[in-house]
Amino acid sequence: MDCAILLNLNAESFVIETPTRNSENLTEIDFMPIPVSHPRDPLHGITLEDILNQLVQRHGWSEMGRRIPIRCFQFNPTVKSSLTFLRKTLWARKKVEDWFIGEL
């Protein structure tokens, strides 16, 4: 049975087609819309973890610790400890996000 579902999320419409399933077998994953880029938010759809991993890959922990002098970048740096700190400390998160946006 062919099935098409129309979703209206935040005034944007998404059509999800599931030709091999009937409406009784739909799962949560069938209702996830594809991210749409937003012209005013360059970080839309990019997680803090993605940002951090890309900066580490491009510059390394030592350069990150030099540019943004926080302990989680300077001493035994890990993605996990940095994410924990950045999620709690908005000024540091803003510096990381601004650095990332500057390189787009």
PDB file of N, CA and C in Angstrom:
ATOM      1  N   MET A   1       0.847  -1.180   0.000  1.00  0.00           N
ATOM      2  CA  MET A   1       0.000   0.000   0.000  1.00  0.00           C
ATOM      3  C   MET A   1       0.890   1.240   0.000  1.00  0.00           C
ATOM      4  N   ASP A   2       0.696   2.138  -0.948  1.00  0.00           N
ATOM      5  CA  ASP A   2       1.469   3.376  -0.989  1.00  0.00           C
ATOM      6  C   ASP A   2       0.953   4.332   0.064  1.00  0.00           C
ATOM      7  N   CYS A   3       1.894   5.061   0.660  1.00  0.00           N
ATOM      8  CA  CYS A   3       1.521   5.946   1.757  1.00  0.00           C
ATOM      9  C   CYS A   3       2.366   7.205   1.672  1.00  0.00           C
ATOM     10  N   ALA A   4       1.764   8.357   1.763  1.00  0.00           N
ATOM     11  CA  ALA A   4       2.491   9.622   1.828  1.00  0.00           C
ATOM     12  C   ALA A   4       1.970  10.386   3.030  1.00  0.00           C
ATOM     13  N   ILE A   5       2.868  10.933   3.798  1.00  0.00           N
ATOM     14  CA  ILE A   5       2.505  11.640   5.020  1.00  0.00           C
ATOM     15  C   ILE A   5       2.954  13.078   4.868  1.00  0.00           C
ATOM     16  N   LEU A   6       2.091  14.018   5.152  1.00  0.00           N
ATOM     17  CA  LEU A   6       2.428  15.426   5.080  1.00  0.00           C
ATOM     18  C   LEU A   6       2.553  15.951   6.501  1.00  0.00           C
ATOM     19  N   LEU A   7       3.714  16.500   6.805  1.00  0.00           N
ATOM     20  CA  LEU A   7       3.947  17.079   8.120  1.00  0.00           C
ATOM     21  C   LEU A   7       4.086  18.582   7.986  1.00  0.00           C
ATOM     22  N   ASN A   8       3.590  19.317   8.946  1.00  0.00           N
ATOM     23  CA  ASN A   8       3.764  20.758   8.964  1.00  0.00           C
ATOM     24  C   ASN A   8       4.487  21.114  10.250  1.00  0.00           C
ATOM     25  N   LEU A   9       5.786  21.387  10.152  1.00  0.00           N
ATOM     26  CA  LEU A   9       6.605  21.707  11.303  1.00  0.00           C
ATOM     27  C   LEU A   9       7.156  23.112  11.146  1.00  0.00           C
ATOM     28  N   ASN A  10       6.831  23.980  12.086  1.00  0.00           N
ATOM     29  CA  ASN A  10       7.339  25.349  12.075  1.00  0.00           C
ATOM     30  C   ASN A  10       7.057  26.050  10.749  1.00  0.00           C
ATOM     31  N   ALA A  11       5.865  25.911  10.257  1.00  0.00           N
ATOM     32  CA  ALA A  11       5.404  26.548   9.028  1.00  0.00           C
ATOM     33  C   ALA A  11       6.135  26.065   7.782  1.00  0.00           C
ATOM     34  N   GLU A  12       6.824  24.927   7.870  1.00  0.00           N
ATOM     35  CA  GLU A  12       7.453  24.336   6.710  1.00  0.00           C
ATOM     36  C   GLU A  12       6.857  22.949   6.525  1.00  0.00           C
ATOM     37  N   SER A  13       6.565  22.594   5.310  1.00  0.00           N
ATOM     38  CA  SER A  13       5.938  21.308   5.048  1.00  0.00           C
ATOM     39  C   SER A  13       6.962  20.301   4.564  1.00  0.00           C
ATOM     40  N   PHE A  14       6.811  19.085   5.005  1.00  0.00           N
ATOM     41  CA  PHE A  14       7.672  17.988   4.601  1.00  0.00           C
ATOM     42  C   PHE A  14       6.779  16.832   4.171  1.00  0.00           C
ATOM     43  N   VAL A  15       7.118  16.203   3.092  1.00  0.00           N
ATOM     44  CA  VAL A  15       6.384  15.020   2.657  1.00  0.00           C
ATOM     45  C   VAL A  15       7.323  13.837   2.800  1.00  0.00           C
ATOM     46  N   ILE A  16       6.878  12.851   3.537  1.00  0.00           N
ATOM     47  CA  ILE A  16       7.664  11.642   3.727  1.00  0.00           C
ATOM     48  C   ILE A  16       6.914  10.514   3.050  1.00  0.00           C
ATOM     49  N   GLU A  17       7.534   9.923   2.066  1.00  0.00           N
ATOM     50  CA  GLU A  17       6.882   8.846   1.352  1.00  0.00           C
ATOM     51  C   GLU A  17       7.443   7.520   1.832  1.00  0.00           C
ATOM     52  N   THR A  18       6.547   6.599   2.128  1.00  0.00           N
ATOM     53  CA  THR A  18       6.941   5.258   2.543  1.00  0.00           C
ATOM     54  C   THR A  18       6.170   4.255   1.716  1.00  0.00           C
ATOM     55  N   PRO A  19       6.622   3.984   0.488  1.00  0.00           N
ATOM     56  CA  PRO A  19       5.845   3.147  -0.412  1.00  0.00           C
ATOM     57  C   PRO A  19       5.732   1.690   0.006  1.00  0.00           C
ATOM     58  N   THR A  20       6.616   1.188   0.848  1.00  0.00           N
ATOM     59  CA  THR A  20       6.567  -0.228   1.188  1.00  0.00           C
ATOM     60  C   THR A  20       5.918  -0.497   2.541  1.00  0.00           C
ATOM     61  N   ARG A  21       5.462   0.532   3.217  1.00  0.00           N
ATOM     62  CA  ARG A  21       4.859   0.334   4.537  1.00  0.00           C
ATOM     63  C   ARG A  21       3.432   0.836   4.550  1.00  0.00           C
ATOM     64  N   ASN A  22       2.638   0.238   5.403  1.00  0.00           N
ATOM     65  CA  ASN A  22       1.317   0.806   5.595  1.00  0.00           C
ATOM     66  C   ASN A  22       1.353   1.690   6.841  1.00  0.00           C
ATOM     67  N   SER A  23       0.308   2.448   7.056  1.00  0.00           N
ATOM     68  CA  SER A  23       0.314   3.437   8.129  1.00  0.00           C
ATOM     69  C   SER A  23       0.427   2.807   9.519  1.00  0.00           C
ATOM     70  N   GLU A  24       0.142   1.548   9.670  1.00  0.00           N
ATOM     71  CA  GLU A  24       0.234   0.897  10.982  1.00  0.00           C
ATOM     72  C   GLU A  24       1.668   0.586  11.369  1.00  0.00           C
ATOM     73  N   ASN A  25       2.569   0.483  10.397  1.00  0.00           N
ATOM     74  CA  ASN A  25       3.945   0.074  10.666  1.00  0.00           C
ATOM     75  C   ASN A  25       4.937   1.228  10.682  1.00  0.00           C
ATOM     76  N   LEU A  26       4.470   2.459  10.682  1.00  0.00           N
ATOM     77  CA  LEU A  26       5.387   3.594  10.674  1.00  0.00           C
ATOM     78  C   LEU A  26       6.079   3.718  12.021  1.00  0.00           C
ATOM     79  N   THR A  27       7.347   4.078  11.972  1.00  0.00           N
ATOM     80  CA  THR A  27       8.121   4.277  13.197  1.00  0.00           C
ATOM     81  C   THR A  27       8.462   5.742  13.344  1.00  0.00           C
ATOM     82  N   GLU A  28       9.051   6.081  14.464  1.00  0.00           N
ATOM     83  CA  GLU A  28       9.433   7.460  14.748  1.00  0.00           C
ATOM     84  C   GLU A  28      10.409   8.001  13.713  1.00  0.00           C
ATOM     85  N   ILE A  29      11.282   7.150  13.206  1.00  0.00           N
ATOM     86  CA  ILE A  29      12.286   7.579  12.237  1.00  0.00           C
ATOM     87  C   ILE A  29      11.638   8.041  10.936  1.00  0.00           C
ATOM     88  N   ASP A  30      10.458   7.525  10.605  1.00  0.00           N
ATOM     89  CA  ASP A  30       9.761   7.925   9.389  1.00  0.00           C
ATOM     90  C   ASP A  30       9.264   9.367   9.457  1.00  0.00           C
ATOM     91  N   PHE A  31       9.176   9.920  10.643  1.00  0.00           N
ATOM     92  CA  PHE A  31       8.640  11.265  10.813  1.00  0.00           C
ATOM     93  C   PHE A  31       9.724  12.324  11.001  1.00  0.00           C
ATOM     94  N   MET A  32      10.989  11.957  10.858  1.00  0.00           N
ATOM     95  CA  MET A  32      12.069  12.926  11.048  1.00  0.00           C
ATOM     96  C   MET A  32      12.314  13.675   9.744  1.00  0.00           C
ATOM     97  N   PRO A  33      12.101  15.009   9.733  1.00  0.00           N
ATOM     98  CA  PRO A  33      12.314  15.777   8.513  1.00  0.00           C
ATOM     99  C   PRO A  33      13.804  15.967   8.227  1.00  0.00           C
ATOM    100  N   ILE A  34      14.109  16.197   6.984  1.00  0.00           N
ATOM    101  CA  ILE A  34      15.483  16.491   6.591  1.00  0.00           C
ATOM    102  C   ILE A  34      15.768  17.930   7.002  1.00  0.00           C
ATOM    103  N   PRO A  35      16.916  18.199   7.661  1.00  0.00           N
ATOM    104  CA  PRO A  35      17.211  19.566   8.091  1.00  0.00           C
ATOM    105  C   PRO A  35      17.260  20.531   6.907  1.00  0.00           C
ATOM    106  N   VAL A  36      16.687  21.687   7.103  1.00  0.00           N
ATOM    107  CA  VAL A  36      16.686  22.731   6.094  1.00  0.00           C
ATOM    108  C   VAL A  36      17.653  23.813   6.559  1.00  0.00           C
ATOM    109  N   SER A  37      18.512  24.283   5.652  1.00  0.00           N
ATOM    110  CA  SER A  37      19.448  25.329   6.063  1.00  0.00           C
ATOM    111  C   SER A  37      18.680  26.630   6.285  1.00  0.00           C
ATOM    112  N   HIS A  38      19.116  27.363   7.274  1.00  0.00           N
ATOM    113  CA  HIS A  38      18.506  28.639   7.608  1.00  0.00           C
ATOM    114  C   HIS A  38      19.513  29.737   7.317  1.00  0.00           C
ATOM    115  N   PRO A  39      19.135  30.710   6.496  1.00  0.00           N
ATOM    116  CA  PRO A  39      20.090  31.737   6.083  1.00  0.00           C
ATOM    117  C   PRO A  39      20.594  32.603   7.231  1.00  0.00           C
ATOM    118  N   ARG A  40      19.821  32.749   8.297  1.00  0.00           N
ATOM    119  CA  ARG A  40      20.241  33.598   9.410  1.00  0.00           C
ATOM    120  C   ARG A  40      20.940  32.844  10.522  1.00  0.00           C
ATOM    121  N   ASP A  41      21.008  31.531  10.450  1.00  0.00           N
ATOM    122  CA  ASP A  41      21.662  30.738  11.488  1.00  0.00           C
ATOM    123  C   ASP A  41      22.635  29.752  10.845  1.00  0.00           C
ATOM    124  N   PRO A  42      23.900  30.138  10.724  1.00  0.00           N
ATOM    125  CA  PRO A  42      24.864  29.249  10.071  1.00  0.00           C
ATOM    126  C   PRO A  42      25.138  27.965  10.847  1.00  0.00           C
ATOM    127  N   LEU A  43      24.765  27.906  12.128  1.00  0.00           N
ATOM    128  CA  LEU A  43      25.000  26.716  12.940  1.00  0.00           C
ATOM    129  C   LEU A  43      23.808  25.764  12.962  1.00  0.00           C
ATOM    130  N   HIS A  44      22.750  26.097  12.236  1.00  0.00           N
ATOM    131  CA  HIS A  44      21.555  25.249  12.247  1.00  0.00           C
ATOM    132  C   HIS A  44      21.899  23.855  11.743  1.00  0.00           C
ATOM    133  N   GLY A  45      21.571  22.861  12.540  1.00  0.00           N
ATOM    134  CA  GLY A  45      21.808  21.476  12.153  1.00  0.00           C
ATOM    135  C   GLY A  45      23.204  20.965  12.459  1.00  0.00           C
ATOM    136  N   ILE A  46      24.049  21.802  13.028  1.00  0.00           N
ATOM    137  CA  ILE A  46      25.412  21.394  13.376  1.00  0.00           C
ATOM    138  C   ILE A  46      25.492  21.307  14.894  1.00  0.00           C
ATOM    139  N   THR A  47      25.884  20.158  15.403  1.00  0.00           N
ATOM    140  CA  THR A  47      25.963  19.985  16.853  1.00  0.00           C
ATOM    141  C   THR A  47      27.264  20.557  17.390  1.00  0.00           C
ATOM    142  N   LEU A  48      27.276  20.835  18.670  1.00  0.00           N
ATOM    143  CA  LEU A  48      28.492  21.318  19.314  1.00  0.00           C
ATOM    144  C   LEU A  48      29.608  20.289  19.189  1.00  0.00           C
ATOM    145  N   GLU A  49      29.255  19.029  19.252  1.00  0.00           N
ATOM    146  CA  GLU A  49      30.253  17.970  19.093  1.00  0.00           C
ATOM    147  C   GLU A  49      30.869  17.995  17.697  1.00  0.00           C
ATOM    148  N   ASP A  50      30.048  18.220  16.672  1.00  0.00           N
ATOM    149  CA  ASP A  50      30.564  18.335  15.307  1.00  0.00           C
ATOM    150  C   ASP A  50      31.529  19.513  15.183  1.00  0.00           C
ATOM    151  N   ILE A  51      31.143  20.645  15.761  1.00  0.00           N
ATOM    152  CA  ILE A  51      31.991  21.839  15.729  1.00  0.00           C
ATOM    153  C   ILE A  51      33.329  21.544  16.383  1.00  0.00           C
ATOM    154  N   LEU A  52      33.280  20.960  17.565  1.00  0.00           N
ATOM    155  CA  LEU A  52      34.493  20.660  18.317  1.00  0.00           C
ATOM    156  C   LEU A  52      35.386  19.679  17.565  1.00  0.00           C
ATOM    157  N   ASN A  53      34.806  18.616  17.028  1.00  0.00           N
ATOM    158  CA  ASN A  53      35.590  17.633  16.280  1.00  0.00           C
ATOM    159  C   ASN A  53      36.251  18.242  15.051  1.00  0.00           C
ATOM    160  N   GLN A  54      35.547  19.116  14.346  1.00  0.00           N
ATOM    161  CA  GLN A  54      36.131  19.749  13.168  1.00  0.00           C
ATOM    162  C   GLN A  54      37.274  20.686  13.538  1.00  0.00           C
ATOM    163  N   LEU A  55      37.100  21.457  14.613  1.00  0.00           N
ATOM    164  CA  LEU A  55      38.171  22.354  15.039  1.00  0.00           C
ATOM    165  C   LEU A  55      39.395  21.573  15.507  1.00  0.00           C
ATOM    166  N   VAL A  56      39.182  20.478  16.226  1.00  0.00           N
ATOM    167  CA  VAL A  56      40.302  19.643  16.679  1.00  0.00           C
ATOM    168  C   VAL A  56      41.026  19.047  15.474  1.00  0.00           C
ATOM    169  N   GLN A  57      40.263  18.592  14.500  1.00  0.00           N
ATOM    170  CA  GLN A  57      40.863  17.995  13.309  1.00  0.00           C
ATOM    171  C   GLN A  57      41.668  19.026  12.512  1.00  0.00           C
ATOM    172  N   ARG A  58      41.148  20.245  12.394  1.00  0.00           N
ATOM    173  CA  ARG A  58      41.833  21.286  11.622  1.00  0.00           C
ATOM    174  C   ARG A  58      43.036  21.876  12.345  1.00  0.00           C
ATOM    175  N   HIS A  59      42.892  22.117  13.659  1.00  0.00           N
ATOM    176  CA  HIS A  59      43.895  22.902  14.375  1.00  0.00           C
ATOM    177  C   HIS A  59      44.637  22.142  15.471  1.00  0.00           C
ATOM    178  N   GLY A  60      44.027  21.134  16.033  1.00  0.00           N
ATOM    179  CA  GLY A  60      44.632  20.408  17.139  1.00  0.00           C
ATOM    180  C   GLY A  60      44.352  21.082  18.471  1.00  0.00           C
ATOM    181  N   TRP A  61      44.517  20.318  19.537  1.00  0.00           N
ATOM    182  CA  TRP A  61      44.210  20.815  20.886  1.00  0.00           C
ATOM    183  C   TRP A  61      45.130  21.950  21.302  1.00  0.00           C
ATOM    184  N   SER A  62      46.394  21.903  20.928  1.00  0.00           N
ATOM    185  CA  SER A  62      47.328  22.944  21.383  1.00  0.00           C
ATOM    186  C   SER A  62      46.942  24.312  20.818  1.00  0.00           C
ATOM    187  N   GLU A  63      46.577  24.361  19.540  1.00  0.00           N
ATOM    188  CA  GLU A  63      46.147  25.636  18.947  1.00  0.00           C
ATOM    189  C   GLU A  63      44.831  26.101  19.552  1.00  0.00           C
ATOM    190  N   MET A  64      43.940  25.167  19.824  1.00  0.00           N
ATOM    191  CA  MET A  64      42.670  25.547  20.449  1.00  0.00           C
ATOM    192  C   MET A  64      42.905  26.118  21.841  1.00  0.00           C
ATOM    193  N   GLY A  65      43.820  25.489  22.596  1.00  0.00           N
ATOM    194  CA  GLY A  65      44.153  25.986  23.928  1.00  0.00           C
ATOM    195  C   GLY A  65      44.858  27.327  23.900  1.00  0.00           C
ATOM    196  N   ARG A  66      45.582  27.595  22.817  1.00  0.00           N
ATOM    197  CA  ARG A  66      46.247  28.886  22.681  1.00  0.00           C
ATOM    198  C   ARG A  66      45.232  29.983  22.357  1.00  0.00           C
ATOM    199  N   ARG A  67      44.316  29.696  21.437  1.00  0.00           N
ATOM    200  CA  ARG A  67      43.332  30.703  21.033  1.00  0.00           C
ATOM    201  C   ARG A  67      42.243  30.934  22.074  1.00  0.00           C
ATOM    202  N   ILE A  68      41.803  29.860  22.710  1.00  0.00           N
ATOM    203  CA  ILE A  68      40.781  29.961  23.752  1.00  0.00           C
ATOM    204  C   ILE A  68      41.376  29.300  24.998  1.00  0.00           C
ATOM    205  N   PRO A  69      41.999  30.074  25.862  1.00  0.00           N
ATOM    206  CA  PRO A  69      42.731  29.497  27.003  1.00  0.00           C
ATOM    207  C   PRO A  69      41.817  28.985  28.120  1.00  0.00           C
ATOM    208  N   ILE A  70      41.297  27.786  27.921  1.00  0.00           N
ATOM    209  CA  ILE A  70      40.498  27.128  28.959  1.00  0.00           C
ATOM    210  C   ILE A  70      41.138  25.776  29.250  1.00  0.00           C
ATOM    211  N   ARG A  71      41.046  25.349  30.485  1.00  0.00           N
ATOM    212  CA  ARG A  71      41.749  24.141  30.934  1.00  0.00           C
ATOM    213  C   ARG A  71      41.373  22.887  30.148  1.00  0.00           C
ATOM    214  N   CYS A  72      40.109  22.788  29.745  1.00  0.00           N
ATOM    215  CA  CYS A  72      39.699  21.563  29.036  1.00  0.00           C
ATOM    216  C   CYS A  72      40.332  21.466  27.651  1.00  0.00           C
ATOM    217  N   PHE A  73      40.903  22.549  27.125  1.00  0.00           N
ATOM    218  CA  PHE A  73      41.653  22.503  25.873  1.00  0.00           C
ATOM    219  C   PHE A  73      43.155  22.363  26.123  1.00  0.00           C
ATOM    220  N   GLN A  74      43.621  22.729  27.323  1.00  0.00           N
ATOM    221  CA  GLN A  74      45.054  22.795  27.585  1.00  0.00           C
ATOM    222  C   GLN A  74      45.626  21.585  28.322  1.00  0.00           C
ATOM    223  N   PHE A  75      44.873  20.995  29.221  1.00  0.00           N
ATOM    224  CA  PHE A  75      45.380  19.907  30.051  1.00  0.00           C
ATOM    225  C   PHE A  75      44.531  18.653  29.870  1.00  0.00           C
ATOM    226  N   ASN A  76      45.130  17.586  29.377  1.00  0.00           N
ATOM    227  CA  ASN A  76      44.439  16.325  29.105  1.00  0.00           C
ATOM    228  C   ASN A  76      43.125  16.553  28.348  1.00  0.00           C
ATOM    229  N   PRO A  77      43.187  17.189  27.185  1.00  0.00           N
ATOM    230  CA  PRO A  77      41.944  17.511  26.478  1.00  0.00           C
ATOM    231  C   PRO A  77      41.266  16.279  25.881  1.00  0.00           C
ATOM    232  N   THR A  78      39.965  16.227  26.045  1.00  0.00           N
ATOM    233  CA  THR A  78      39.140  15.207  25.403  1.00  0.00           C
ATOM    234  C   THR A  78      37.872  15.891  24.905  1.00  0.00           C
ATOM    235  N   VAL A  79      37.253  15.283  23.935  1.00  0.00           N
ATOM    236  CA  VAL A  79      36.000  15.829  23.410  1.00  0.00           C
ATOM    237  C   VAL A  79      34.942  15.810  24.504  1.00  0.00           C
ATOM    238  N   LYS A  80      34.875  14.728  25.255  1.00  0.00           N
ATOM    239  CA  LYS A  80      33.850  14.598  26.297  1.00  0.00           C
ATOM    240  C   LYS A  80      33.974  15.690  27.365  1.00  0.00           C
ATOM    241  N   SER A  81      35.184  15.903  27.877  1.00  0.00           N
ATOM    242  CA  SER A  81      35.346  16.922  28.923  1.00  0.00           C
ATOM    243  C   SER A  81      35.096  18.324  28.375  1.00  0.00           C
ATOM    244  N   SER A  82      35.498  18.549  27.126  1.00  0.00           N
ATOM    245  CA  SER A  82      35.276  19.857  26.514  1.00  0.00           C
ATOM    246  C   SER A  82      33.795  20.118  26.289  1.00  0.00           C
ATOM    247  N   LEU A  83      33.063  19.108  25.834  1.00  0.00           N
ATOM    248  CA  LEU A  83      31.621  19.269  25.642  1.00  0.00           C
ATOM    249  C   LEU A  83      30.920  19.582  26.960  1.00  0.00           C
ATOM    250  N   THR A  84      31.308  18.890  27.996  1.00  0.00           N
ATOM    251  CA  THR A  84      30.709  19.127  29.319  1.00  0.00           C
ATOM    252  C   THR A  84      30.934  20.575  29.748  1.00  0.00           C
ATOM    253  N   PHE A  85      32.161  21.049  29.599  1.00  0.00           N
ATOM    254  CA  PHE A  85      32.479  22.422  29.999  1.00  0.00           C
ATOM    255  C   PHE A  85      31.752  23.437  29.114  1.00  0.00           C
ATOM    256  N   LEU A  86      31.799  23.246  27.800  1.00  0.00           N
ATOM    257  CA  LEU A  86      31.203  24.216  26.883  1.00  0.00           C
ATOM    258  C   LEU A  86      29.689  24.295  27.020  1.00  0.00           C
ATOM    259  N   ARG A  87      29.050  23.197  27.373  1.00  0.00           N
ATOM    260  CA  ARG A  87      27.593  23.219  27.555  1.00  0.00           C
ATOM    261  C   ARG A  87      27.194  23.980  28.816  1.00  0.00           C
ATOM    262  N   LYS A  88      28.090  24.053  29.780  1.00  0.00           N
ATOM    263  CA  LYS A  88      27.790  24.757  31.028  1.00  0.00           C
ATOM    264  C   LYS A  88      28.288  26.197  31.027  1.00  0.00           C
ATOM    265  N   THR A  89      29.242  26.523  30.152  1.00  0.00           N
ATOM    266  CA  THR A  89      29.899  27.823  30.176  1.00  0.00           C
ATOM    267  C   THR A  89      29.635  28.537  28.850  1.00  0.00           C
ATOM    268  N   LEU A  90      28.639  29.407  28.858  1.00  0.00           N
ATOM    269  CA  LEU A  90      28.164  30.014  27.623  1.00  0.00           C
ATOM    270  C   LEU A  90      29.195  30.924  26.952  1.00  0.00           C
ATOM    271  N   TRP A  91      30.010  31.650  27.742  1.00  0.00           N
ATOM    272  CA  TRP A  91      30.991  32.539  27.115  1.00  0.00           C
ATOM    273  C   TRP A  91      32.027  31.744  26.332  1.00  0.00           C
ATOM    274  N   ALA A  92      32.423  30.581  26.850  1.00  0.00           N
ATOM    275  CA  ALA A  92      33.410  29.751  26.155  1.00  0.00           C
ATOM    276  C   ALA A  92      32.779  29.112  24.911  1.00  0.00           C
ATOM    277  N   ARG A  93      31.545  28.670  25.044  1.00  0.00           N
ATOM    278  CA  ARG A  93      30.847  28.083  23.889  1.00  0.00           C
ATOM    279  C   ARG A  93      30.727  29.102  22.770  1.00  0.00           C
ATOM    280  N   LYS A  94      30.400  30.346  23.119  1.00  0.00           N
ATOM    281  CA  LYS A  94      30.267  31.401  22.113  1.00  0.00           C
ATOM    282  C   LYS A  94      31.586  31.628  21.388  1.00  0.00           C
ATOM    283  N   LYS A  95      32.698  31.615  22.123  1.00  0.00           N
ATOM    284  CA  LYS A  95      34.006  31.796  21.481  1.00  0.00           C
ATOM    285  C   LYS A  95      34.286  30.671  20.487  1.00  0.00           C
ATOM    286  N   VAL A  96      33.967  29.434  20.866  1.00  0.00           N
ATOM    287  CA  VAL A  96      34.187  28.287  19.986  1.00  0.00           C
ATOM    288  C   VAL A  96      33.287  28.393  18.758  1.00  0.00           C
ATOM    289  N   GLU A  97      32.025  28.713  18.963  1.00  0.00           N
ATOM    290  CA  GLU A  97      31.096  28.829  17.838  1.00  0.00           C
ATOM    291  C   GLU A  97      31.484  29.977  16.910  1.00  0.00           C
ATOM    292  N   ASP A  98      31.900  31.110  17.468  1.00  0.00           N
ATOM    293  CA  ASP A  98      32.323  32.249  16.648  1.00  0.00           C
ATOM    294  C   ASP A  98      33.562  31.904  15.821  1.00  0.00           C
ATOM    295  N   TRP A  99      34.490  31.187  16.416  1.00  0.00           N
ATOM    296  CA  TRP A  99      35.690  30.744  15.696  1.00  0.00           C
ATOM    297  C   TRP A  99      35.289  29.848  14.520  1.00  0.00           C
ATOM    298  N   PHE A 100      34.384  28.902  14.789  1.00  0.00           N
ATOM    299  CA  PHE A 100      33.915  27.988  13.750  1.00  0.00           C
ATOM    300  C   PHE A 100      33.217  28.747  12.623  1.00  0.00           C
ATOM    301  N   ILE A 101      32.329  29.677  12.969  1.00  0.00           N
ATOM    302  CA  ILE A 101      31.602  30.451  11.968  1.00  0.00           C
ATOM    303  C   ILE A 101      32.573  31.279  11.131  1.00  0.00           C
ATOM    304  N   GLY A 102      33.608  31.811  11.763  1.00  0.00           N
ATOM    305  CA  GLY A 102      34.607  32.603  11.052  1.00  0.00           C
ATOM    306  C   GLY A 102      35.350  31.811   9.986  1.00  0.00           C
ATOM    307  N   GLU A 103      35.372  30.501  10.116  1.00  0.00           N
ATOM    308  CA  GLU A 103      36.072  29.657   9.157  1.00  0.00           C
ATOM    309  C   GLU A 103      35.159  29.089   8.081  1.00  0.00           C
ATOM    310  N   LEU A 104      33.861  29.355   8.165  1.00  0.00           N
ATOM    311  CA  LEU A 104      32.933  28.832   7.138  1.00  0.00           C
ATOM    312  C   LEU A 104      33.124  29.534   5.822  1.00  0.00           C
TER     313      LEU A 104
END
